[in-house]
Amino acid sequence: MVTNLANPQQQYLKTQIETASQPQLLVMIFDAAVKKLHLSKKAIAQKNIEKAHTELTKVQKIFTELMVALDFEKGGEIATNLLRIYDFVYHHLVKANIKQDSAMIDEVIPIVENLREGWTLAVEKFLSEQEGEIQQKPIERRVSFDSKQPVKPLTPIRRMTTPPADSPTTEEQPRPRLNIRG
């Protein structure tokens, strides 16, 4: 496989995307949307209609995909509310694109930034809950030598700083005898 190392920033972004979880990808998508909205405003200010159209169209596609990806069975009322917000942003961007109106883009940017912030908080909560589950789960044995016996989780070993009261001290413990006679 031949890779283009000419642009390290693109390689870094590609690696980030390939290794990100789905919730992290969602935050990255909102980052891209905000960036493209600012690029479209800049293009409108420079009277570069083609560039503005291209950037706004990309953000419209992002919101189309976000709407399509909503799961109303699992998401319920939240998914319905997100659909309304995504739909509003999408249609507002269509109008901004037609009119080449940066003021309309300014109206949408805070909404997209708030969505990004909300998803960032959700991702942080998801990751901390996932980390908590990993720390709370007991270590499982991978091999069972007796197929009839179920694999049981191992409990972590606790180190004692002082021996229990009923155990002999090191001076009282008998030394193991080695049998050297064959």
N, C-alpha and C. Protein backbone atom coordinates (compact mmCIF):
# COMPACT_ATOMS: atom_id res chain seq x y z
N MET A 1 0.83 -1.19 0.00
CA MET A 1 0.00 0.00 0.00
C MET A 1 0.88 1.25 0.00
N VAL A 2 0.64 2.12 -0.92
CA VAL A 2 1.40 3.36 -1.03
C VAL A 2 0.60 4.47 -0.37
N THR A 3 1.26 5.18 0.55
CA THR A 3 0.58 6.29 1.21
C THR A 3 1.27 7.59 0.85
N ASN A 4 0.50 8.64 0.84
CA ASN A 4 1.03 9.95 0.53
C ASN A 4 1.45 10.62 1.83
N LEU A 5 2.74 10.73 2.05
CA LEU A 5 3.25 11.35 3.26
C LEU A 5 3.52 12.84 3.07
N ALA A 6 3.08 13.38 1.93
CA ALA A 6 3.32 14.79 1.63
C ALA A 6 2.62 15.71 2.62
N ASN A 7 1.47 15.30 3.12
CA ASN A 7 0.73 16.13 4.05
C ASN A 7 0.58 15.39 5.38
N PRO A 8 1.47 15.63 6.35
CA PRO A 8 1.40 14.94 7.65
C PRO A 8 0.09 15.22 8.39
N GLN A 9 -0.47 16.41 8.18
CA GLN A 9 -1.73 16.76 8.85
C GLN A 9 -2.85 15.83 8.38
N GLN A 10 -2.90 15.53 7.09
CA GLN A 10 -3.91 14.61 6.56
C GLN A 10 -3.68 13.20 7.08
N GLN A 11 -2.43 12.78 7.18
CA GLN A 11 -2.12 11.46 7.72
C GLN A 11 -2.57 11.35 9.18
N TYR A 12 -2.31 12.41 9.95
CA TYR A 12 -2.71 12.44 11.35
C TYR A 12 -4.23 12.37 11.47
N LEU A 13 -4.93 13.14 10.67
CA LEU A 13 -6.39 13.13 10.68
C LEU A 13 -6.92 11.76 10.29
N LYS A 14 -6.32 11.15 9.28
CA LYS A 14 -6.74 9.81 8.85
C LYS A 14 -6.58 8.80 9.99
N THR A 15 -5.46 8.88 10.70
CA THR A 15 -5.22 7.98 11.83
C THR A 15 -6.23 8.23 12.94
N GLN A 16 -6.53 9.50 13.21
CA GLN A 16 -7.52 9.83 14.23
C GLN A 16 -8.88 9.23 13.88
N ILE A 17 -9.28 9.36 12.65
CA ILE A 17 -10.58 8.85 12.21
C ILE A 17 -10.63 7.34 12.30
N GLU A 18 -9.55 6.69 11.87
CA GLU A 18 -9.52 5.23 11.86
C GLU A 18 -9.51 4.63 13.26
N THR A 19 -8.99 5.36 14.25
CA THR A 19 -8.89 4.82 15.60
C THR A 19 -9.96 5.35 16.55
N ALA A 20 -10.79 6.27 16.10
CA ALA A 20 -11.81 6.87 16.97
C ALA A 20 -13.01 5.94 17.14
N SER A 21 -13.64 6.05 18.30
CA SER A 21 -14.89 5.32 18.53
C SER A 21 -16.02 6.07 17.81
N GLN A 22 -17.19 5.44 17.71
CA GLN A 22 -18.31 6.11 17.03
C GLN A 22 -18.70 7.42 17.72
N PRO A 23 -18.79 7.44 19.05
CA PRO A 23 -19.11 8.73 19.69
C PRO A 23 -18.05 9.80 19.42
N GLN A 24 -16.78 9.40 19.40
CA GLN A 24 -15.72 10.37 19.11
C GLN A 24 -15.80 10.85 17.67
N LEU A 25 -16.18 9.97 16.76
CA LEU A 25 -16.35 10.37 15.36
C LEU A 25 -17.44 11.43 15.22
N LEU A 26 -18.49 11.28 16.00
CA LEU A 26 -19.59 12.25 15.96
C LEU A 26 -19.10 13.64 16.35
N VAL A 27 -18.29 13.72 17.39
CA VAL A 27 -17.73 15.01 17.80
C VAL A 27 -16.84 15.57 16.69
N MET A 28 -16.06 14.70 16.06
CA MET A 28 -15.19 15.14 14.96
C MET A 28 -16.01 15.67 13.79
N ILE A 29 -17.17 15.07 13.55
CA ILE A 29 -18.05 15.52 12.48
C ILE A 29 -18.55 16.94 12.77
N PHE A 30 -18.93 17.19 14.03
CA PHE A 30 -19.38 18.54 14.38
C PHE A 30 -18.23 19.54 14.30
N ASP A 31 -17.02 19.11 14.66
CA ASP A 31 -15.85 19.99 14.49
C ASP A 31 -15.69 20.38 13.02
N ALA A 32 -15.82 19.40 12.15
CA ALA A 32 -15.69 19.67 10.71
C ALA A 32 -16.79 20.61 10.24
N ALA A 33 -18.00 20.42 10.74
CA ALA A 33 -19.12 21.28 10.33
C ALA A 33 -18.86 22.73 10.72
N VAL A 34 -18.40 22.94 11.96
CA VAL A 34 -18.12 24.31 12.42
C VAL A 34 -17.00 24.92 11.57
N LYS A 35 -15.97 24.15 11.32
CA LYS A 35 -14.85 24.65 10.50
C LYS A 35 -15.33 25.04 9.10
N LYS A 36 -16.16 24.21 8.50
CA LYS A 36 -16.65 24.48 7.14
C LYS A 36 -17.60 25.67 7.12
N LEU A 37 -18.36 25.88 8.19
CA LEU A 37 -19.22 27.06 8.26
C LEU A 37 -18.38 28.33 8.28
N HIS A 38 -17.30 28.32 9.04
CA HIS A 38 -16.41 29.50 9.07
C HIS A 38 -15.73 29.71 7.72
N LEU A 39 -15.34 28.61 7.07
CA LEU A 39 -14.74 28.73 5.73
C LEU A 39 -15.73 29.30 4.73
N SER A 40 -17.00 28.90 4.85
CA SER A 40 -18.01 29.42 3.91
C SER A 40 -18.26 30.91 4.14
N LYS A 41 -18.25 31.34 5.41
CA LYS A 41 -18.39 32.77 5.70
C LYS A 41 -17.24 33.57 5.09
N LYS A 42 -16.04 33.03 5.25
CA LYS A 42 -14.86 33.70 4.70
C LYS A 42 -14.95 33.78 3.17
N ALA A 43 -15.42 32.71 2.55
CA ALA A 43 -15.56 32.69 1.09
C ALA A 43 -16.61 33.70 0.62
N ILE A 44 -17.71 33.81 1.37
CA ILE A 44 -18.74 34.80 1.02
C ILE A 44 -18.16 36.21 1.12
N ALA A 45 -17.39 36.46 2.18
CA ALA A 45 -16.77 37.79 2.35
C ALA A 45 -15.81 38.10 1.21
N GLN A 46 -15.17 37.07 0.67
CA GLN A 46 -14.22 37.25 -0.44
C GLN A 46 -14.90 37.17 -1.80
N LYS A 47 -16.22 37.07 -1.78
CA LYS A 47 -17.02 36.95 -3.02
C LYS A 47 -16.66 35.71 -3.84
N ASN A 48 -16.21 34.67 -3.15
CA ASN A 48 -15.88 33.40 -3.80
C ASN A 48 -17.11 32.48 -3.66
N ILE A 49 -18.06 32.67 -4.55
CA ILE A 49 -19.34 31.97 -4.49
C ILE A 49 -19.16 30.46 -4.60
N GLU A 50 -18.28 30.03 -5.47
CA GLU A 50 -18.08 28.59 -5.67
C GLU A 50 -17.55 27.92 -4.39
N LYS A 51 -16.57 28.54 -3.75
CA LYS A 51 -16.00 27.99 -2.51
C LYS A 51 -17.06 27.98 -1.41
N ALA A 52 -17.82 29.07 -1.28
CA ALA A 52 -18.87 29.15 -0.26
C ALA A 52 -19.90 28.05 -0.49
N HIS A 53 -20.29 27.87 -1.75
CA HIS A 53 -21.26 26.84 -2.09
C HIS A 53 -20.72 25.45 -1.73
N THR A 54 -19.47 25.19 -2.07
CA THR A 54 -18.86 23.89 -1.79
C THR A 54 -18.85 23.59 -0.29
N GLU A 55 -18.43 24.56 0.51
CA GLU A 55 -18.35 24.36 1.97
C GLU A 55 -19.74 24.20 2.59
N LEU A 56 -20.69 25.03 2.16
CA LEU A 56 -22.05 24.92 2.70
C LEU A 56 -22.70 23.59 2.30
N THR A 57 -22.44 23.15 1.09
CA THR A 57 -22.98 21.86 0.63
C THR A 57 -22.43 20.72 1.47
N LYS A 58 -21.16 20.80 1.84
CA LYS A 58 -20.56 19.75 2.69
C LYS A 58 -21.25 19.70 4.05
N VAL A 59 -21.52 20.87 4.63
CA VAL A 59 -22.21 20.90 5.92
C VAL A 59 -23.64 20.39 5.78
N GLN A 60 -24.30 20.73 4.67
CA GLN A 60 -25.65 20.21 4.43
C GLN A 60 -25.63 18.69 4.36
N LYS A 61 -24.61 18.13 3.71
CA LYS A 61 -24.49 16.67 3.62
C LYS A 61 -24.26 16.05 5.00
N ILE A 62 -23.47 16.73 5.82
CA ILE A 62 -23.25 16.25 7.19
C ILE A 62 -24.58 16.14 7.92
N PHE A 63 -25.40 17.19 7.83
CA PHE A 63 -26.67 17.18 8.56
C PHE A 63 -27.67 16.21 7.94
N THR A 64 -27.59 15.99 6.65
CA THR A 64 -28.43 14.96 6.02
C THR A 64 -28.07 13.60 6.60
N GLU A 65 -26.78 13.30 6.70
CA GLU A 65 -26.34 12.01 7.24
C GLU A 65 -26.71 11.88 8.72
N LEU A 66 -26.60 12.97 9.47
CA LEU A 66 -26.98 12.92 10.88
C LEU A 66 -28.47 12.60 11.03
N MET A 67 -29.30 13.18 10.16
CA MET A 67 -30.74 12.90 10.22
C MET A 67 -31.03 11.45 9.87
N VAL A 68 -30.36 10.94 8.85
CA VAL A 68 -30.58 9.56 8.41
C VAL A 68 -30.12 8.57 9.49
N ALA A 69 -29.07 8.93 10.23
CA ALA A 69 -28.49 8.02 11.22
C ALA A 69 -29.28 7.94 12.52
N LEU A 70 -30.24 8.82 12.73
CA LEU A 70 -31.01 8.80 13.98
C LEU A 70 -31.79 7.50 14.12
N ASP A 71 -31.75 6.94 15.32
CA ASP A 71 -32.48 5.71 15.64
C ASP A 71 -33.65 6.10 16.55
N PHE A 72 -34.85 6.16 15.98
CA PHE A 72 -36.01 6.62 16.74
C PHE A 72 -36.51 5.58 17.73
N GLU A 73 -36.22 4.31 17.49
CA GLU A 73 -36.63 3.27 18.44
C GLU A 73 -35.83 3.38 19.73
N LYS A 74 -34.53 3.54 19.60
CA LYS A 74 -33.67 3.65 20.79
C LYS A 74 -33.66 5.07 21.34
N GLY A 75 -33.71 6.06 20.45
CA GLY A 75 -33.56 7.45 20.86
C GLY A 75 -34.82 8.11 21.36
N GLY A 76 -35.98 7.60 20.93
CA GLY A 76 -37.25 8.14 21.37
C GLY A 76 -37.38 9.64 21.16
N GLU A 77 -37.76 10.33 22.24
CA GLU A 77 -38.01 11.77 22.18
C GLU A 77 -36.73 12.55 21.85
N ILE A 78 -35.60 12.07 22.36
CA ILE A 78 -34.33 12.76 22.07
C ILE A 78 -34.04 12.74 20.57
N ALA A 79 -34.25 11.59 19.94
CA ALA A 79 -34.01 11.47 18.50
C ALA A 79 -34.95 12.39 17.73
N THR A 80 -36.20 12.47 18.17
CA THR A 80 -37.17 13.35 17.52
C THR A 80 -36.74 14.82 17.63
N ASN A 81 -36.29 15.22 18.81
CA ASN A 81 -35.83 16.60 19.00
C ASN A 81 -34.57 16.89 18.19
N LEU A 82 -33.66 15.92 18.13
CA LEU A 82 -32.46 16.11 17.31
C LEU A 82 -32.82 16.25 15.85
N LEU A 83 -33.80 15.47 15.39
CA LEU A 83 -34.24 15.57 14.00
C LEU A 83 -34.73 16.99 13.70
N ARG A 84 -35.50 17.56 14.61
CA ARG A 84 -36.00 18.92 14.41
C ARG A 84 -34.86 19.94 14.31
N ILE A 85 -33.88 19.78 15.20
CA ILE A 85 -32.74 20.71 15.18
C ILE A 85 -31.92 20.53 13.90
N TYR A 86 -31.60 19.27 13.58
CA TYR A 86 -30.82 18.99 12.37
C TYR A 86 -31.54 19.50 11.12
N ASP A 87 -32.86 19.30 11.08
CA ASP A 87 -33.65 19.74 9.93
C ASP A 87 -33.64 21.27 9.82
N PHE A 88 -33.77 21.95 10.96
CA PHE A 88 -33.71 23.41 10.96
C PHE A 88 -32.37 23.89 10.41
N VAL A 89 -31.27 23.32 10.94
CA VAL A 89 -29.93 23.72 10.49
C VAL A 89 -29.79 23.48 9.00
N TYR A 90 -30.21 22.30 8.54
CA TYR A 90 -30.09 21.95 7.13
C TYR A 90 -30.81 22.98 6.25
N HIS A 91 -32.08 23.24 6.55
CA HIS A 91 -32.86 24.17 5.71
C HIS A 91 -32.34 25.61 5.80
N HIS A 92 -31.85 25.98 6.96
CA HIS A 92 -31.28 27.32 7.10
C HIS A 92 -30.02 27.46 6.24
N LEU A 93 -29.23 26.39 6.18
CA LEU A 93 -28.02 26.41 5.35
C LEU A 93 -28.35 26.42 3.86
N VAL A 94 -29.43 25.75 3.49
CA VAL A 94 -29.85 25.78 2.08
C VAL A 94 -30.19 27.23 1.70
N LYS A 95 -30.95 27.91 2.56
CA LYS A 95 -31.30 29.31 2.29
C LYS A 95 -30.06 30.20 2.27
N ALA A 96 -29.14 29.97 3.23
CA ALA A 96 -27.91 30.76 3.28
C ALA A 96 -27.08 30.55 2.02
N ASN A 97 -27.10 29.34 1.51
CA ASN A 97 -26.36 29.01 0.30
C ASN A 97 -26.97 29.70 -0.92
N ILE A 98 -28.28 29.66 -1.01
CA ILE A 98 -28.97 30.30 -2.14
C ILE A 98 -28.73 31.82 -2.12
N LYS A 99 -28.87 32.42 -0.94
CA LYS A 99 -28.74 33.88 -0.82
C LYS A 99 -27.29 34.34 -0.64
N GLN A 100 -26.37 33.39 -0.40
CA GLN A 100 -24.97 33.72 -0.08
C GLN A 100 -24.94 34.75 1.06
N ASP A 101 -25.64 34.39 2.15
CA ASP A 101 -25.85 35.30 3.28
C ASP A 101 -25.08 34.79 4.50
N SER A 102 -24.00 35.49 4.84
CA SER A 102 -23.19 35.07 5.99
C SER A 102 -23.91 35.30 7.32
N ALA A 103 -24.86 36.24 7.37
CA ALA A 103 -25.64 36.47 8.60
C ALA A 103 -26.46 35.23 8.94
N MET A 104 -26.98 34.54 7.93
CA MET A 104 -27.74 33.31 8.18
C MET A 104 -26.82 32.20 8.69
N ILE A 105 -25.59 32.21 8.22
CA ILE A 105 -24.62 31.22 8.72
C ILE A 105 -24.29 31.53 10.17
N ASP A 106 -24.18 32.83 10.50
CA ASP A 106 -23.94 33.24 11.88
C ASP A 106 -25.04 32.76 12.82
N GLU A 107 -26.26 32.67 12.32
CA GLU A 107 -27.38 32.19 13.14
C GLU A 107 -27.25 30.69 13.44
N VAL A 108 -26.62 29.96 12.54
CA VAL A 108 -26.53 28.51 12.67
C VAL A 108 -25.30 28.07 13.47
N ILE A 109 -24.22 28.84 13.38
CA ILE A 109 -22.97 28.43 14.04
C ILE A 109 -23.15 28.15 15.54
N PRO A 110 -23.82 29.02 16.32
CA PRO A 110 -23.97 28.71 17.75
C PRO A 110 -24.77 27.42 17.99
N ILE A 111 -25.72 27.14 17.13
CA ILE A 111 -26.51 25.91 17.26
C ILE A 111 -25.61 24.69 17.06
N VAL A 112 -24.80 24.74 16.01
CA VAL A 112 -23.89 23.62 15.72
C VAL A 112 -22.85 23.48 16.83
N GLU A 113 -22.34 24.60 17.34
CA GLU A 113 -21.38 24.55 18.44
C GLU A 113 -22.01 23.97 19.70
N ASN A 114 -23.28 24.32 19.97
CA ASN A 114 -23.98 23.75 21.13
C ASN A 114 -24.20 22.25 20.95
N LEU A 115 -24.54 21.84 19.74
CA LEU A 115 -24.68 20.40 19.46
C LEU A 115 -23.35 19.69 19.70
N ARG A 116 -22.28 20.29 19.21
CA ARG A 116 -20.96 19.70 19.40
C ARG A 116 -20.63 19.58 20.88
N GLU A 117 -20.90 20.63 21.64
CA GLU A 117 -20.62 20.61 23.08
C GLU A 117 -21.45 19.54 23.78
N GLY A 118 -22.72 19.44 23.40
CA GLY A 118 -23.58 18.41 23.99
C GLY A 118 -23.07 17.01 23.70
N TRP A 119 -22.67 16.77 22.47
CA TRP A 119 -22.13 15.45 22.12
C TRP A 119 -20.79 15.21 22.79
N THR A 120 -19.99 16.25 22.98
CA THR A 120 -18.71 16.09 23.68
C THR A 120 -18.95 15.64 25.11
N LEU A 121 -19.91 16.27 25.79
CA LEU A 121 -20.24 15.87 27.16
C LEU A 121 -20.77 14.45 27.20
N ALA A 122 -21.60 14.10 26.22
CA ALA A 122 -22.14 12.73 26.17
C ALA A 122 -21.02 11.72 25.95
N VAL A 123 -20.06 12.04 25.10
CA VAL A 123 -18.93 11.14 24.84
C VAL A 123 -18.09 10.98 26.11
N GLU A 124 -17.82 12.10 26.80
CA GLU A 124 -17.04 12.03 28.03
C GLU A 124 -17.74 11.16 29.06
N LYS A 125 -19.05 11.31 29.18
CA LYS A 125 -19.81 10.50 30.12
C LYS A 125 -19.77 9.03 29.70
N PHE A 126 -19.96 8.77 28.42
CA PHE A 126 -19.91 7.41 27.90
C PHE A 126 -18.56 6.76 28.18
N LEU A 127 -17.48 7.48 27.90
CA LEU A 127 -16.14 6.93 28.11
C LEU A 127 -15.85 6.70 29.58
N SER A 128 -16.30 7.61 30.46
CA SER A 128 -16.05 7.41 31.89
C SER A 128 -16.86 6.24 32.43
N GLU A 129 -18.09 6.07 31.94
CA GLU A 129 -18.89 4.91 32.35
C GLU A 129 -18.26 3.62 31.84
N GLN A 130 -17.77 3.65 30.61
CA GLN A 130 -17.13 2.48 30.03
C GLN A 130 -15.86 2.15 30.82
N GLU A 131 -15.09 3.15 31.19
CA GLU A 131 -13.88 2.94 31.98
C GLU A 131 -14.22 2.38 33.34
N GLY A 132 -15.30 2.88 33.95
CA GLY A 132 -15.75 2.36 35.24
C GLY A 132 -16.14 0.91 35.17
N GLU A 133 -16.81 0.52 34.09
CA GLU A 133 -17.19 -0.88 33.90
C GLU A 133 -15.96 -1.75 33.79
N ILE A 134 -14.96 -1.29 33.07
CA ILE A 134 -13.74 -2.07 32.88
C ILE A 134 -13.05 -2.26 34.22
N GLN A 135 -12.99 -1.22 35.05
CA GLN A 135 -12.32 -1.31 36.34
C GLN A 135 -13.11 -2.19 37.31
N GLN A 136 -14.43 -2.22 37.19
CA GLN A 136 -15.23 -3.00 38.12
C GLN A 136 -15.35 -4.46 37.73
N LYS A 137 -15.12 -4.79 36.47
CA LYS A 137 -15.25 -6.17 36.03
C LYS A 137 -14.11 -7.00 36.59
N PRO A 138 -14.43 -8.20 37.13
CA PRO A 138 -13.35 -9.08 37.58
C PRO A 138 -12.59 -9.65 36.38
N ILE A 139 -11.36 -10.03 36.62
CA ILE A 139 -10.54 -10.62 35.57
C ILE A 139 -11.06 -12.02 35.30
N GLU A 140 -11.26 -12.36 34.06
CA GLU A 140 -11.77 -13.68 33.72
C GLU A 140 -10.63 -14.57 33.24
N ARG A 141 -10.71 -15.84 33.66
CA ARG A 141 -9.75 -16.81 33.15
C ARG A 141 -10.12 -17.13 31.73
N ARG A 142 -9.13 -17.26 30.89
CA ARG A 142 -9.37 -17.56 29.49
C ARG A 142 -9.41 -19.05 29.23
N VAL A 143 -8.80 -19.86 30.10
CA VAL A 143 -8.69 -21.29 29.86
C VAL A 143 -9.35 -22.04 30.99
N SER A 144 -10.14 -23.04 30.66
CA SER A 144 -10.71 -23.94 31.64
C SER A 144 -10.16 -25.33 31.35
N PHE A 145 -9.50 -25.92 32.35
CA PHE A 145 -8.90 -27.23 32.13
C PHE A 145 -9.93 -28.34 32.23
N ASP A 146 -11.04 -28.07 32.85
CA ASP A 146 -12.11 -29.05 32.96
C ASP A 146 -13.31 -28.48 32.22
N SER A 147 -13.65 -29.09 31.09
CA SER A 147 -14.72 -28.53 30.25
C SER A 147 -16.08 -28.57 30.94
N LYS A 148 -16.23 -29.42 31.96
CA LYS A 148 -17.51 -29.49 32.68
C LYS A 148 -17.65 -28.35 33.68
N GLN A 149 -16.54 -27.83 34.09
CA GLN A 149 -16.55 -26.78 35.09
C GLN A 149 -16.60 -25.42 34.40
N PRO A 150 -17.55 -24.56 34.79
CA PRO A 150 -17.63 -23.24 34.15
C PRO A 150 -16.42 -22.38 34.53
N VAL A 151 -16.08 -21.48 33.64
CA VAL A 151 -14.98 -20.56 33.90
C VAL A 151 -15.47 -19.52 34.89
N LYS A 152 -14.74 -19.38 35.99
CA LYS A 152 -15.14 -18.43 37.03
C LYS A 152 -14.20 -17.23 37.01
N PRO A 153 -14.74 -16.07 37.33
CA PRO A 153 -13.87 -14.90 37.37
C PRO A 153 -12.89 -15.00 38.53
N LEU A 154 -11.70 -14.49 38.32
CA LEU A 154 -10.70 -14.44 39.38
C LEU A 154 -10.89 -13.18 40.18
N THR A 155 -10.61 -13.26 41.45
CA THR A 155 -10.67 -12.05 42.25
C THR A 155 -9.26 -11.48 42.35
N PRO A 156 -9.13 -10.18 42.35
CA PRO A 156 -7.80 -9.60 42.44
C PRO A 156 -7.11 -9.99 43.74
N ILE A 157 -5.80 -10.17 43.69
CA ILE A 157 -5.03 -10.54 44.87
C ILE A 157 -4.79 -9.29 45.70
N ARG A 158 -5.07 -9.44 46.99
CA ARG A 158 -4.81 -8.33 47.90
C ARG A 158 -3.51 -8.60 48.64
N ARG A 159 -2.65 -7.64 48.68
CA ARG A 159 -1.40 -7.80 49.41
C ARG A 159 -1.61 -7.33 50.84
N MET A 160 -1.12 -8.16 51.77
CA MET A 160 -1.23 -7.80 53.17
C MET A 160 0.09 -7.21 53.63
N THR A 161 -0.01 -6.15 54.38
CA THR A 161 1.21 -5.54 54.90
C THR A 161 1.64 -6.24 56.19
N THR A 162 0.68 -6.72 56.96
CA THR A 162 1.01 -7.47 58.17
C THR A 162 0.33 -8.82 58.09
N PRO A 163 0.96 -9.89 58.61
CA PRO A 163 0.34 -11.21 58.54
C PRO A 163 -0.87 -11.28 59.47
N PRO A 164 -1.84 -12.15 59.17
CA PRO A 164 -2.97 -12.31 60.07
C PRO A 164 -2.50 -12.78 61.44
N ALA A 165 -3.30 -12.50 62.45
CA ALA A 165 -2.92 -12.80 63.83
C ALA A 165 -2.71 -14.30 64.07
N ASP A 166 -3.46 -15.16 63.40
CA ASP A 166 -3.36 -16.60 63.65
C ASP A 166 -2.27 -17.29 62.83
N SER A 167 -1.54 -16.57 61.98
CA SER A 167 -0.49 -17.22 61.18
C SER A 167 0.85 -17.11 61.90
N PRO A 168 1.70 -18.14 61.75
CA PRO A 168 3.00 -18.08 62.42
C PRO A 168 3.89 -17.03 61.76
N THR A 169 4.77 -16.44 62.55
CA THR A 169 5.70 -15.46 62.00
C THR A 169 6.76 -16.20 61.20
N THR A 170 7.59 -15.47 60.49
CA THR A 170 8.60 -16.11 59.64
C THR A 170 9.57 -16.94 60.45
N GLU A 171 9.85 -16.56 61.70
CA GLU A 171 10.77 -17.33 62.53
C GLU A 171 10.15 -18.65 62.94
N GLU A 172 8.83 -18.69 63.12
CA GLU A 172 8.16 -19.90 63.58
C GLU A 172 7.80 -20.84 62.44
N GLN A 173 7.82 -20.38 61.22
CA GLN A 173 7.41 -21.22 60.10
C GLN A 173 8.47 -22.27 59.82
N PRO A 174 8.03 -23.52 59.65
CA PRO A 174 9.01 -24.57 59.34
C PRO A 174 9.56 -24.38 57.95
N ARG A 175 10.86 -24.70 57.79
CA ARG A 175 11.51 -24.59 56.49
C ARG A 175 11.23 -25.86 55.71
N PRO A 176 11.00 -25.73 54.42
CA PRO A 176 10.79 -26.94 53.64
C PRO A 176 12.08 -27.75 53.56
N ARG A 177 11.95 -29.09 53.63
CA ARG A 177 13.11 -29.97 53.56
C ARG A 177 13.26 -30.46 52.14
N LEU A 178 14.45 -30.44 51.68
CA LEU A 178 14.75 -30.95 50.36
C LEU A 178 15.21 -32.40 50.48
N ASN A 179 14.65 -33.22 49.64
CA ASN A 179 15.05 -34.62 49.63
C ASN A 179 16.02 -34.80 48.48
N ILE A 180 17.33 -34.92 48.82
CA ILE A 180 18.32 -35.07 47.77
C ILE A 180 18.63 -36.54 47.49
N ARG A 181 18.18 -37.40 48.29
CA ARG A 181 18.40 -38.82 48.02
C ARG A 181 17.41 -39.26 46.97
N GLY A 182 17.80 -39.72 45.92
CA GLY A 182 16.97 -40.10 44.80
C GLY A 182 16.12 -41.20 45.06
